[in-house]
Protein backbone atom coordinates (compact mmCIF):
# COMPACT_ATOMS: atom_id res chain seq x y z
CA MET A 1 75.52 124.27 93.75
CA LYS A 2 76.73 122.21 90.94
CA ARG A 3 74.14 119.51 89.84
CA ARG A 4 76.58 116.67 90.38
CA ASP A 5 77.07 117.88 94.02
CA PHE A 6 73.42 118.14 94.44
CA LEU A 7 73.04 114.53 93.39
CA LYS A 8 75.64 113.18 95.76
CA LEU A 9 73.94 115.15 98.61
CA GLY A 10 70.51 113.77 97.57
CA GLY A 11 71.74 110.28 97.55
CA TRP A 12 72.92 110.72 101.18
CA GLY A 13 69.58 112.25 102.10
CA ALA A 14 67.81 109.16 100.77
CA ALA A 15 69.95 106.89 102.84
CA MET A 16 69.44 108.99 105.90
CA SER A 17 65.53 108.38 105.70
CA LEU A 18 66.13 104.77 106.97
CA ALA A 19 64.56 103.64 110.07
CA PRO A 20 66.84 104.05 113.47
CA GLY A 21 69.41 101.51 113.44
CA GLU A 22 69.02 100.34 109.82
CA LEU A 23 71.92 100.30 107.38
CA PRO A 24 71.51 100.73 103.75
CA ALA A 25 71.10 97.67 101.70
CA ALA A 26 74.62 97.78 100.12
CA THR A 27 76.08 97.92 103.67
CA LYS A 28 74.06 94.88 104.72
CA SER A 29 75.06 92.81 101.80
CA GLY A 30 78.89 93.71 102.74
CA THR A 31 79.68 95.59 99.56
CA VAL A 32 79.39 98.78 97.72
CA GLN A 33 79.86 99.31 94.23
CA GLU A 34 82.31 102.14 93.45
CA PRO A 35 81.18 104.33 90.15
CA ALA A 36 83.36 103.88 86.90
CA ARG A 37 85.54 107.09 86.60
CA ASP A 38 88.20 108.32 84.58
CA VAL A 39 91.57 108.48 86.19
CA PRO A 40 93.89 111.33 84.67
CA ILE A 41 97.31 110.32 83.62
CA VAL A 42 99.46 112.89 85.23
CA GLY A 43 103.13 111.74 84.31
CA ALA A 44 105.03 109.22 82.28
CA ALA A 45 108.47 107.83 82.96
CA ASP A 46 110.85 105.22 81.51
CA VAL A 47 111.06 103.44 84.75
CA VAL A 48 108.34 103.88 87.57
CA VAL A 49 109.63 102.74 91.16
CA CYS A 50 107.06 102.02 93.76
CA GLY A 51 108.22 102.07 97.35
CA ALA A 52 111.44 104.52 98.42
CA GLY A 53 112.81 102.02 101.08
CA PRO A 54 116.62 101.09 100.71
CA ALA A 55 115.80 99.13 97.63
CA GLY A 56 113.37 101.82 96.11
CA VAL A 57 115.81 104.64 96.48
CA ALA A 58 118.55 102.59 94.93
CA ALA A 59 116.52 101.45 92.07
CA ALA A 60 115.41 104.99 91.15
CA VAL A 61 118.82 106.48 91.54
CA ALA A 62 120.50 103.69 89.32
CA ALA A 63 117.82 104.07 86.71
CA ALA A 64 118.21 107.75 86.46
CA ARG A 65 121.93 107.50 86.52
CA LYS A 66 121.86 105.02 83.48
CA GLY A 67 119.99 107.70 81.54
CA ALA A 68 116.21 106.72 82.42
CA ARG A 69 113.79 109.21 83.34
CA ALA A 70 112.85 107.63 86.70
CA ARG A 71 109.88 108.45 88.95
CA LEU A 72 109.57 107.30 92.61
CA ILE A 73 106.42 106.67 94.47
CA GLU A 74 106.17 106.56 98.20
CA LEU A 75 103.61 106.24 100.70
CA HIS A 76 105.42 107.96 103.86
CA GLY A 77 106.61 111.53 104.23
CA CYS A 78 110.16 110.78 103.70
CA LEU A 79 112.64 108.33 101.71
CA GLY A 80 114.05 105.34 103.15
CA GLY A 81 111.23 103.05 104.37
CA ILE A 82 112.47 100.85 107.29
CA TRP A 83 115.88 102.82 107.34
CA THR A 84 113.98 105.99 108.30
CA ALA A 85 110.09 105.57 109.03
CA GLY A 86 110.82 102.46 110.62
CA LEU A 87 113.79 103.79 112.70
CA LEU A 88 115.74 100.61 111.83
CA SER A 89 119.06 102.49 112.44
CA TRP A 90 121.19 99.36 111.72
CA ILE A 91 122.09 98.03 108.49
CA LEU A 92 123.13 94.25 107.78
CA ASP A 93 124.92 92.47 105.14
CA TYR A 94 126.55 95.41 103.43
CA LYS A 95 130.32 94.83 104.09
CA ASN A 96 131.02 93.03 100.66
CA LYS A 97 128.49 95.32 98.80
CA SER A 98 129.97 98.16 96.47
CA GLY A 99 127.93 100.73 94.38
CA LEU A 100 125.29 102.59 95.96
CA MET A 101 125.50 100.58 99.42
CA ALA A 102 129.08 101.81 99.84
CA GLU A 103 128.29 105.36 98.47
CA ILE A 104 125.37 105.76 100.98
CA TRP A 105 127.84 104.85 103.80
CA GLN A 106 130.26 107.39 102.68
CA ARG A 107 127.68 110.13 102.58
CA ILE A 108 126.40 109.17 106.05
CA GLU A 109 129.98 109.08 107.36
CA LYS A 110 131.06 112.43 105.68
CA ARG A 111 127.94 113.89 107.56
CA GLY A 112 129.16 112.50 110.97
CA SER A 113 126.01 110.47 111.16
CA ARG A 114 127.45 106.88 111.33
CA ALA A 115 127.97 105.13 114.59
CA PHE A 116 131.40 104.28 115.91
CA THR A 117 132.67 102.27 118.89
CA LYS A 118 134.54 103.71 121.67
CA SER A 119 137.86 102.61 120.10
CA GLY A 120 136.69 104.24 116.82
CA ASN A 121 135.50 101.45 114.74
CA ALA A 122 132.75 101.99 112.50
CA THR A 123 129.40 99.86 113.11
CA ASN A 124 126.26 98.89 111.31
CA GLY A 125 124.37 101.88 113.13
CA TYR A 126 123.33 105.33 111.68
CA ASP A 127 121.27 108.30 112.36
CA PRO A 128 118.06 107.82 110.67
CA GLU A 129 117.24 111.50 110.53
CA MET A 130 120.25 112.07 108.54
CA MET A 131 119.54 108.99 106.14
CA LYS A 132 116.58 110.93 104.98
CA LEU A 133 118.46 114.03 103.97
CA VAL A 134 121.38 111.79 102.43
CA LEU A 135 118.73 109.67 100.19
CA GLU A 136 116.88 112.74 99.21
CA GLU A 137 120.04 114.42 98.19
CA MET A 138 120.90 111.34 96.12
CA CYS A 139 117.53 111.36 94.33
CA ALA A 140 117.62 115.03 93.57
CA GLU A 141 121.27 115.01 92.10
CA ALA A 142 120.14 112.14 89.96
CA LYS A 143 116.99 114.05 88.99
CA VAL A 144 114.37 111.38 90.28
CA GLU A 145 111.03 112.64 90.15
CA VAL A 146 109.86 111.84 93.78
CA HIS A 147 106.16 111.61 95.02
CA LEU A 148 105.92 111.38 98.75
CA HIS A 149 102.51 110.97 100.67
CA THR A 150 101.10 108.93 97.56
CA ARG A 151 100.08 105.15 97.91
CA VAL A 152 99.77 102.74 94.89
CA CYS A 153 96.21 101.46 94.94
CA ALA A 154 95.94 99.52 91.50
CA ALA A 155 97.64 98.53 88.18
CA ILE A 156 96.67 98.30 84.75
CA ASN A 157 97.93 95.91 82.22
CA ASN A 158 97.26 95.69 78.58
CA ASP A 159 95.88 92.54 76.81
CA GLU A 160 99.55 90.97 76.59
CA LYS A 161 99.89 91.23 80.19
CA ARG A 162 102.24 93.90 80.27
CA LEU A 163 102.09 96.41 83.30
CA THR A 164 101.46 99.83 81.69
CA HIS A 165 100.19 102.17 84.50
CA VAL A 166 99.92 102.56 88.18
CA ILE A 167 97.36 104.10 89.84
CA THR A 168 97.86 106.16 93.19
CA GLU A 169 95.70 107.64 95.78
CA SER A 170 96.98 110.86 97.81
CA LYS A 171 95.69 114.36 98.79
CA SER A 172 95.55 114.99 94.90
CA GLY A 173 93.04 112.34 94.36
CA ARG A 174 93.42 109.11 92.24
CA GLU A 175 96.11 109.64 89.59
CA ALA A 176 97.78 107.38 86.82
CA PHE A 177 101.26 107.33 86.06
CA ALA A 178 102.34 105.36 82.77
CA GLY A 179 105.97 103.85 82.47
CA LYS A 180 107.94 101.35 80.23
CA VAL A 181 109.21 99.22 83.24
CA PHE A 182 107.92 99.17 86.87
CA VAL A 183 109.87 98.06 90.01
CA ASP A 184 108.20 96.84 92.92
CA CYS A 185 110.02 98.04 96.17
CA THR A 186 106.86 98.09 98.40
CA GLY A 187 108.17 95.30 100.54
CA ASP A 188 105.12 93.17 100.64
CA GLY A 189 104.70 93.22 96.75
CA ASP A 190 101.73 95.56 96.78
CA LEU A 191 102.21 96.49 92.89
CA ALA A 192 102.86 93.03 91.81
CA ALA A 193 99.81 91.62 93.61
CA ARG A 194 97.67 94.23 92.17
CA ALA A 195 98.84 93.53 88.81
CA GLY A 196 97.86 89.97 89.07
CA CYS A 197 101.24 88.25 89.97
CA GLY A 198 101.30 85.00 91.77
CA PHE A 199 103.07 84.96 95.16
CA ASP A 200 103.78 82.94 98.42
CA MET A 201 103.64 84.41 101.94
CA GLY A 202 104.56 82.93 105.34
CA HIS A 203 105.67 79.39 106.53
CA PRO A 204 104.64 76.87 103.79
CA GLU A 205 102.92 74.44 106.31
CA THR A 206 101.02 77.05 108.38
CA GLY A 207 100.90 80.34 106.36
CA ASN A 208 102.26 82.13 109.61
CA THR A 209 104.65 84.90 108.89
CA GLN A 210 107.52 86.03 111.04
CA PRO A 211 106.52 88.69 113.77
CA PHE A 212 106.89 92.51 113.57
CA SER A 213 108.93 94.45 115.48
CA LEU A 214 108.59 98.17 116.58
CA MET A 215 111.92 99.99 116.87
CA ALA A 216 112.43 103.06 119.31
CA LEU A 217 115.15 105.70 119.97
CA ILE A 218 115.99 105.98 123.70
CA THR A 219 118.28 108.70 125.39
CA GLY A 220 119.12 109.62 129.05
CA VAL A 221 121.83 106.92 129.38
CA THR A 222 125.25 106.85 128.69
CA PRO A 223 127.78 104.56 127.24
CA GLU A 224 129.38 104.18 130.31
CA GLY A 225 126.35 103.88 132.41
CA ILE A 226 124.69 100.94 130.76
CA ALA A 227 127.94 99.29 129.71
CA GLY A 228 127.33 95.43 129.20
CA PHE A 229 123.60 96.02 128.52
CA PHE A 230 124.15 97.13 124.72
CA ARG A 231 125.89 95.57 121.65
CA ASP A 232 129.51 96.17 121.91
CA ASP A 233 131.27 95.74 118.55
CA ASP A 234 134.90 96.16 120.09
CA SER A 235 134.42 93.05 122.22
CA LYS A 236 132.12 91.05 119.79
CA ASP A 237 130.20 90.33 123.04
CA TRP A 238 126.70 90.23 121.50
CA ALA A 239 124.72 87.60 123.35
CA ASN A 240 125.61 88.81 126.99
CA PRO A 241 124.08 92.04 126.63
CA LYS A 242 120.73 90.67 125.38
CA GLU A 243 120.41 88.35 128.17
CA LYS A 244 121.45 90.84 130.78
CA LEU A 245 119.02 93.53 129.20
CA LYS A 246 116.11 90.79 129.44
CA ALA A 247 116.91 90.45 132.94
CA GLU A 248 117.20 94.15 133.89
CA MET A 249 113.71 94.57 131.96
CA GLU A 250 112.24 91.71 133.97
CA LYS A 251 113.64 93.48 137.39
CA GLY A 252 111.60 96.42 136.21
CA GLY A 253 108.56 94.51 136.10
CA HIS A 254 107.97 93.69 132.29
CA SER A 255 109.00 90.71 130.38
CA PRO A 256 109.75 91.56 126.78
CA SER A 257 107.89 89.66 123.97
CA TYR A 258 111.13 89.09 122.23
CA ALA A 259 113.44 86.87 124.11
CA LYS A 260 116.66 88.69 122.89
CA PRO A 261 115.92 92.47 123.23
CA THR A 262 118.71 94.50 121.85
CA ILE A 263 120.23 98.04 122.36
CA PHE A 264 122.76 99.57 120.06
CA ARG A 265 124.67 102.95 120.34
CA LEU A 266 123.96 105.63 117.55
CA ARG A 267 125.69 108.42 119.58
CA ASP A 268 126.86 108.91 123.00
CA ASP A 269 123.40 110.12 124.02
CA LEU A 270 121.33 108.24 121.58
CA PHE A 271 120.53 104.61 121.36
CA ALA A 272 118.15 102.43 119.41
CA MET A 273 115.96 99.66 120.78
CA MET A 274 114.38 96.52 119.55
CA ALA A 275 112.61 94.46 122.14
CA ASN A 276 109.32 93.34 121.14
CA HIS A 277 107.57 90.72 118.63
CA GLU A 278 104.04 90.81 117.27
CA TYR A 279 102.68 87.52 116.32
CA GLY A 280 99.95 86.28 114.24
CA VAL A 281 99.74 89.28 112.18
CA LYS A 282 100.29 89.83 108.46
CA GLY A 283 101.87 92.80 107.00
CA THR A 284 99.12 92.76 103.98
CA ASN A 285 96.52 93.57 106.58
CA ALA A 286 95.64 96.98 107.73
CA ARG A 287 93.80 95.71 110.86
CA ASP A 288 96.92 93.52 111.84
CA LEU A 289 99.35 96.47 111.28
CA THR A 290 97.20 98.97 113.28
CA ALA A 291 96.83 96.69 116.37
CA ALA A 292 100.38 95.43 116.21
CA THR A 293 101.52 98.73 116.18
CA LEU A 294 99.42 100.05 119.11
CA ARG A 295 100.50 96.78 121.23
CA ALA A 296 104.13 97.23 120.48
CA ARG A 297 104.18 101.00 121.25
CA LYS A 298 102.46 100.39 124.42
CA GLU A 299 104.98 97.64 125.34
CA LEU A 300 107.96 99.81 124.46
CA HIS A 301 106.80 102.30 126.76
CA ALA A 302 106.35 100.06 129.58
CA LEU A 303 109.85 98.24 129.22
CA VAL A 304 111.31 101.89 129.37
CA ASP A 305 109.27 102.92 132.38
CA GLY A 306 110.11 99.86 133.93
CA LEU A 307 114.24 100.45 133.33
CA ARG A 308 113.73 103.89 134.68
CA SER A 309 111.92 102.74 137.77
CA LEU A 310 115.31 100.92 138.65
CA GLY A 311 117.16 104.30 138.93
CA GLY A 312 120.84 104.06 138.82
CA ALA A 313 121.99 104.43 135.14
CA TRP A 314 118.46 104.11 134.00
CA LYS A 315 117.02 106.95 135.90
CA ASN A 316 116.76 109.24 133.22
CA VAL A 317 116.11 106.87 130.20
CA ARG A 318 113.02 107.88 128.08
CA ILE A 319 112.01 107.09 124.70
CA VAL A 320 112.68 109.88 122.00
CA ALA A 321 110.59 108.40 119.34
CA THR A 322 108.82 105.30 118.17
CA ALA A 323 108.76 104.21 114.53
CA GLU A 324 106.02 105.55 112.30
CA GLN A 325 106.29 102.25 110.33
CA ILE A 326 106.46 98.88 112.35
CA GLY A 327 109.03 96.72 111.07
CA VAL A 328 107.51 93.93 108.87
CA ARG A 329 109.83 90.98 108.55
CA GLU A 330 107.74 89.19 105.78
CA GLY A 331 105.24 89.75 103.31
CA ARG A 332 104.56 88.37 99.73
CA ARG A 333 107.05 86.65 98.01
CA ILE A 334 106.48 87.45 94.28
CA HIS A 335 106.75 84.59 91.73
CA GLY A 336 109.86 85.28 89.43
CA LEU A 337 111.76 83.75 86.69
CA CYS A 338 113.94 81.97 89.05
CA THR A 339 113.02 81.19 92.95
CA LEU A 340 115.74 81.27 95.54
CA SER A 341 115.67 78.08 97.42
CA THR A 342 116.81 76.58 100.87
CA ASP A 343 119.13 74.62 98.80
CA ASP A 344 120.89 77.65 97.21
CA LEU A 345 121.68 78.59 100.92
CA ARG A 346 122.72 75.16 102.03
CA GLU A 347 124.97 74.64 98.92
CA GLY A 348 126.26 78.14 98.81
CA ARG A 349 125.17 78.14 95.01
CA THR A 350 126.80 80.89 92.56
CA GLN A 351 124.59 82.14 89.53
CA LYS A 352 125.50 83.10 86.15
CA ASP A 353 123.46 86.26 86.30
CA ALA A 354 124.45 87.04 90.10
CA ILE A 355 123.76 90.59 91.22
CA CYS A 356 125.01 90.26 94.62
CA ARG A 357 126.62 87.83 97.06
CA THR A 358 124.86 87.31 100.22
CA THR A 359 126.60 86.70 103.51
CA PHE A 360 123.78 87.13 106.05
CA GLY A 361 122.74 83.89 107.65
CA ILE A 362 119.35 82.15 108.03
CA ASP A 363 117.10 84.54 110.39
CA VAL A 364 113.84 83.12 111.21
CA HIS A 365 112.27 84.89 113.91
CA SER A 366 109.93 82.16 115.54
CA THR A 367 106.35 82.58 114.23
CA ASP A 368 104.67 80.75 117.27
CA PRO A 369 105.13 82.63 120.65
CA LYS A 370 104.41 79.39 122.38
CA LYS A 371 107.41 77.66 121.01
CA GLU A 372 110.04 80.26 121.56
CA LYS A 373 110.13 83.88 121.95
CA GLY A 374 113.11 84.39 119.86
CA ILE A 375 114.91 82.65 116.76
CA GLU A 376 113.79 79.50 114.93
CA LYS A 377 116.23 76.69 114.18
CA THR A 378 116.85 75.21 110.85
CA GLY A 379 119.26 72.58 111.31
CA PHE A 380 121.89 74.00 109.22
CA ARG A 381 124.15 77.21 108.63
CA ALA A 382 123.84 79.02 105.11
CA LYS A 383 126.68 79.58 103.23
CA PRO A 384 127.35 82.62 101.09
CA TYR A 385 125.25 82.41 98.01
CA ASP A 386 124.27 84.62 94.74
CA ILE A 387 120.98 86.31 94.01
CA PRO A 388 120.21 85.77 90.51
CA LEU A 389 118.62 88.81 88.32
CA ARG A 390 115.82 86.24 87.32
CA ALA A 391 114.66 86.26 90.72
CA LEU A 392 114.00 90.00 90.37
CA ILE A 393 111.88 89.70 87.17
CA ALA A 394 108.25 88.92 87.49
CA LYS A 395 107.00 85.43 86.06
CA ASP A 396 103.30 86.55 85.73
CA VAL A 397 103.12 90.15 84.37
CA LYS A 398 105.41 91.56 81.76
CA GLY A 399 107.72 94.79 82.33
CA LEU A 400 107.69 94.34 86.01
CA MET A 401 110.53 93.73 88.21
CA MET A 402 110.95 93.65 92.23
CA ALA A 403 113.66 94.44 94.59
CA GLY A 404 113.97 93.96 98.38
CA ARG A 405 112.20 91.34 100.45
CA CYS A 406 109.39 90.67 98.11
CA ILE A 407 111.54 89.15 95.32
CA SER A 408 111.18 85.34 94.43
CA GLY A 409 112.35 82.94 97.04
CA ASP A 410 111.19 80.25 99.70
CA PHE A 411 110.53 80.84 103.29
CA ILE A 412 113.92 80.13 104.43
CA ALA A 413 115.82 82.02 101.78
CA HIS A 414 113.60 84.96 102.40
CA SER A 415 114.88 85.06 105.94
CA SER A 416 118.51 85.66 104.76
CA TYR A 417 118.26 87.84 101.86
CA ARG A 418 115.63 90.11 103.17
CA VAL A 419 118.03 92.44 105.16
CA THR A 420 118.53 95.84 103.78
CA GLY A 421 122.16 95.54 102.60
CA ASN A 422 121.12 93.06 100.11
CA SER A 423 118.07 95.21 99.45
CA VAL A 424 120.14 98.23 98.03
CA ALA A 425 122.13 95.75 95.78
CA MET A 426 119.02 94.37 94.47
CA GLY A 427 117.41 97.76 93.94
CA GLU A 428 120.60 98.96 92.07
CA ALA A 429 120.71 95.94 89.71
CA ALA A 430 116.72 96.16 89.10
CA GLY A 431 117.01 100.01 88.46
CA LYS A 432 119.99 99.64 85.87
CA THR A 433 118.17 96.59 84.31
CA ALA A 434 114.71 98.59 83.99
CA ALA A 435 116.70 101.60 82.55
CA VAL A 436 118.41 99.46 79.62
CA ALA A 437 115.11 97.77 78.99
CA ALA A 438 113.09 100.76 78.58
CA LYS A 439 115.56 102.88 76.79
CA SER A 440 116.06 99.75 74.22
CA GLY A 441 112.40 98.94 73.91
CA ARG A 442 112.89 95.68 75.33
CA LEU A 443 111.62 93.74 78.35
CA PRO A 444 113.85 93.39 81.40
CA SER A 445 113.89 89.54 80.72
CA ALA A 446 115.86 90.26 77.50
CA VAL A 447 118.67 92.23 79.40
CA ASP A 448 121.97 90.28 79.75
CA ILE A 449 123.83 90.78 83.06
CA SER A 450 126.58 91.98 81.32
CA GLU A 451 124.54 95.09 80.28
CA ILE A 452 124.35 96.15 83.78
CA SER A 453 127.81 95.05 85.30
């Protein structure tokens, strides 16, 4: 036995000599001290992207195609984040997006994995399993260095408040990765927060965040059998199916926690369902995530069991899968060089450094279940507006960018730009900017929008 192993065991033995029911002193006080240790630097890259959801994959691929050595770090066992681990199965605000967003759709369609209506019109839906493969192929073709099953747990800044390394935890232990420019695509701004960036989270008055939702894939029904209960993109009748589905669920003995439950078709025998809200929880709290996931999964099974009990078109309905990752609508909004505001949406403002035009409206899922189990009203309709590159550049830490729902914006603006069609456009812009900055020895703030157009 090695001496250090023996010392570890000896320390445990000493702790075990406590009286029955007694806790070690460190546990009593509520903290333990982790010993200092050297963390091996196992890799370096021009651009390090943390989080491989829609924004992260776009950032890494864009950076690599721009000539940078790109590294992509992801917690889950697949690329795609909410698209795949979250089974979102539906992409919003993509129609006016070119570049990588259009390319992803082309690849999905080529594999026969995009949802179409009965009349042959393309919808927003896709097969989440095929999305995993498409994103992996894009990263492989671009020679992105991918790390799955790896969580970012710390960040190292130099004396000039420039981010130089991220530290990860995985089956390989704790490891460090060096980079010239970093992009936080974690959704909740985990990297930026650990690097010391300021941020806002939740409603400005209450601090409450929008509810979570857990997606499910269901089968055992047919489009003809449940016509009128699922979103119909041919007729554009989207409200009535939600109301009818809610009534049907209540007839089956369960009232959904979301007042506007939705089913949409992916294939003739495969549908996606979103029918729950988890309130009073935060995406930055592991206990909240755990409790919400357990409650939501239980509710989804109860709702589907109730539908099955009705017989008829529902007699064979069953859940194929519930998402590994619960859908978190809102986390940290990292302070950037520019903050998207409610007025930007109200006035439909343009920006000199625009990276995309957002057309999705304000979509605040009510933070208060007692007030409304649905969508919160704001009193005005958003006009299309620009997302500026400056909102993707961290204010408090150098060499750090953000893409996806953790960019700099207020509560109302966030409810609009957070959807994934915008996330891909943000990721692509951040990746290109990071690559130009890294290759030229500059900070992202010194890169002009014309250099990435």
